[in-house]
Amino acid sequence: QVQPVESGGGLVQAGGSLRLSCAASGRTFSSYDMGWFRKAPGKEREFVATINWSGGWTQYADSVKGRFTISRDNAKNTMYLQMGSLKPEDTAVYYCAAKRKSFWSLATTPKDFDSWGQGTQVTVSS
């Protein structure tokens, strides 16, 4: 089983960009679909983006489509979230999650993921 660890969060102005990384321990990273979720104060944890084990299939929440890009480098056991045109409403703790790969669908709900990172804070100032 992989253990994800997020990095790259911080404070950025509205309209700016930030790249999050998720490093996963273990030698079977390519056996896992990966996802990004976020949780803002007073809100439920919500889906942001997901990517399949090979990197060839991705899905995004409508709120980030066209602004965020999810990618992965299996040789480096790392997944990324490139965030652009950031808005104050993107402020949240961002979590990386892993689940055993599926050949039929991409998971978008937290309950479908088995391993979670500790989260990294992203704050977008107006």
Protein backbone atom coordinates (compact mmCIF):
# COMPACT_ATOMS: atom_id res chain seq x y z
CA GLN A 1 0.00 0.00 0.00
CA VAL A 2 1.26 3.50 -0.78
CA GLN A 3 1.41 6.33 1.73
CA PRO A 4 0.91 9.77 0.14
CA VAL A 5 2.64 12.93 1.37
CA GLU A 6 1.60 16.33 0.01
CA SER A 7 3.78 19.41 -0.44
CA GLY A 8 3.73 22.72 -2.25
CA GLY A 9 0.93 24.57 -0.51
CA GLY A 10 1.20 28.20 0.48
CA LEU A 11 -0.19 31.71 0.17
CA VAL A 12 -0.84 33.13 -3.28
CA GLN A 13 -2.73 36.10 -4.67
CA ALA A 14 -5.90 35.69 -6.67
CA GLY A 15 -5.07 34.98 -10.28
CA GLY A 16 -1.80 33.34 -9.36
CA SER A 17 -0.54 29.79 -9.75
CA LEU A 18 0.69 27.05 -7.47
CA ARG A 19 1.82 23.46 -7.98
CA LEU A 20 1.11 20.78 -5.43
CA SER A 21 3.05 17.53 -5.30
CA CYS A 22 2.12 14.20 -3.80
CA ALA A 23 4.96 11.79 -3.19
CA ALA A 24 3.95 8.21 -2.50
CA SER A 25 6.10 5.67 -0.72
CA GLY A 26 6.18 2.07 -1.88
CA ARG A 27 7.21 0.33 -5.09
CA THR A 28 3.72 -0.11 -6.53
CA PHE A 29 2.72 3.49 -7.25
CA SER A 30 1.68 2.58 -10.79
CA SER A 31 -0.87 0.14 -9.36
CA TYR A 32 -2.87 3.00 -7.90
CA ASP A 33 -5.32 5.55 -9.19
CA MET A 34 -4.76 8.86 -7.44
CA GLY A 35 -6.89 11.83 -6.53
CA TRP A 36 -6.90 15.32 -5.08
CA PHE A 37 -9.56 16.49 -2.66
CA ARG A 38 -9.92 19.66 -0.64
CA LYS A 39 -11.66 20.81 2.51
CA ALA A 40 -12.49 24.41 3.27
CA PRO A 41 -13.51 25.55 6.78
CA GLY A 42 -17.12 24.68 7.48
CA LYS A 43 -17.46 22.62 4.32
CA GLU A 44 -17.35 18.94 3.45
CA ARG A 45 -14.31 17.42 1.81
CA GLU A 46 -14.83 17.76 -1.93
CA PHE A 47 -13.44 16.16 -5.03
CA VAL A 48 -10.97 18.20 -7.10
CA ALA A 49 -9.37 15.87 -9.66
CA THR A 50 -8.44 12.26 -10.24
CA ILE A 51 -6.02 10.41 -12.50
CA ASN A 52 -5.80 6.75 -13.39
CA TRP A 53 -2.76 4.54 -12.81
CA SER A 54 -1.19 5.23 -16.22
CA GLY A 55 -1.95 8.95 -16.36
CA GLY A 56 -4.00 8.57 -19.49
CA TRP A 57 -7.40 9.21 -17.93
CA THR A 58 -8.31 12.21 -15.81
CA GLN A 59 -11.43 13.83 -14.42
CA TYR A 60 -12.03 17.21 -12.80
CA ALA A 61 -14.61 18.93 -10.68
CA ASP A 62 -16.53 21.54 -12.65
CA SER A 63 -15.26 24.24 -10.30
CA VAL A 64 -11.62 23.69 -11.35
CA LYS A 65 -11.99 22.49 -14.93
CA GLY A 66 -9.82 24.55 -17.26
CA ARG A 67 -7.80 26.00 -14.37
CA PHE A 68 -6.22 22.94 -12.72
CA THR A 69 -4.24 20.12 -14.31
CA ILE A 70 -3.56 16.78 -12.65
CA SER A 71 -0.60 14.69 -13.77
CA ARG A 72 1.72 11.96 -12.51
CA ASP A 73 5.22 10.64 -13.00
CA ASN A 74 5.29 6.95 -12.13
CA ALA A 75 9.08 6.82 -12.39
CA LYS A 76 9.23 9.36 -9.54
CA ASN A 77 6.27 7.98 -7.57
CA THR A 78 4.79 11.46 -7.65
CA MET A 79 1.50 13.07 -8.63
CA TYR A 80 1.00 16.78 -9.27
CA LEU A 81 -1.76 19.36 -9.28
CA GLN A 82 -0.96 22.46 -11.29
CA MET A 83 -3.35 25.18 -10.19
CA GLY A 84 -3.84 28.37 -12.18
CA SER A 85 -6.16 31.39 -12.16
CA LEU A 86 -6.60 30.79 -8.47
CA LYS A 87 -9.60 32.27 -6.69
CA PRO A 88 -10.22 32.97 -3.00
CA GLU A 89 -12.79 30.17 -3.02
CA ASP A 90 -9.96 27.72 -3.81
CA THR A 91 -8.66 28.29 -0.29
CA ALA A 92 -8.67 24.94 1.50
CA VAL A 93 -6.56 22.12 2.81
CA TYR A 94 -5.70 19.95 -0.18
CA TYR A 95 -5.40 16.19 0.29
CA CYS A 96 -3.82 13.55 -1.87
CA ALA A 97 -5.42 10.10 -1.91
CA ALA A 98 -4.73 6.69 -3.41
CA LYS A 99 -6.83 3.66 -4.33
CA ARG A 100 -6.10 0.38 -6.08
CA LYS A 101 -6.42 0.89 -9.81
CA SER A 102 -9.60 0.24 -11.71
CA PHE A 103 -9.85 -0.44 -15.43
CA TRP A 104 -13.50 0.57 -15.62
CA SER A 105 -14.00 3.89 -13.87
CA LEU A 106 -12.39 6.79 -12.04
CA ALA A 107 -13.38 7.32 -8.44
CA THR A 108 -14.47 10.77 -7.33
CA THR A 109 -15.76 10.24 -3.81
CA PRO A 110 -13.60 10.17 -0.67
CA LYS A 111 -14.97 6.80 0.49
CA ASP A 112 -13.50 5.10 -2.58
CA PHE A 113 -9.93 5.97 -1.60
CA ASP A 114 -7.87 3.90 0.83
CA SER A 115 -4.82 5.99 1.71
CA TRP A 116 -4.68 9.68 2.51
CA GLY A 117 -2.00 12.26 3.08
CA GLN A 118 -1.98 14.79 5.92
CA GLY A 119 -2.94 17.68 3.67
CA THR A 120 -1.32 20.94 2.60
CA GLN A 121 -2.84 24.38 3.11
CA VAL A 122 -3.55 26.57 0.09
CA THR A 123 -4.62 30.13 0.79
CA VAL A 124 -5.65 32.49 -1.99
CA SER A 125 -5.85 36.14 -1.04
CA SER A 126 -8.14 38.58 -2.83
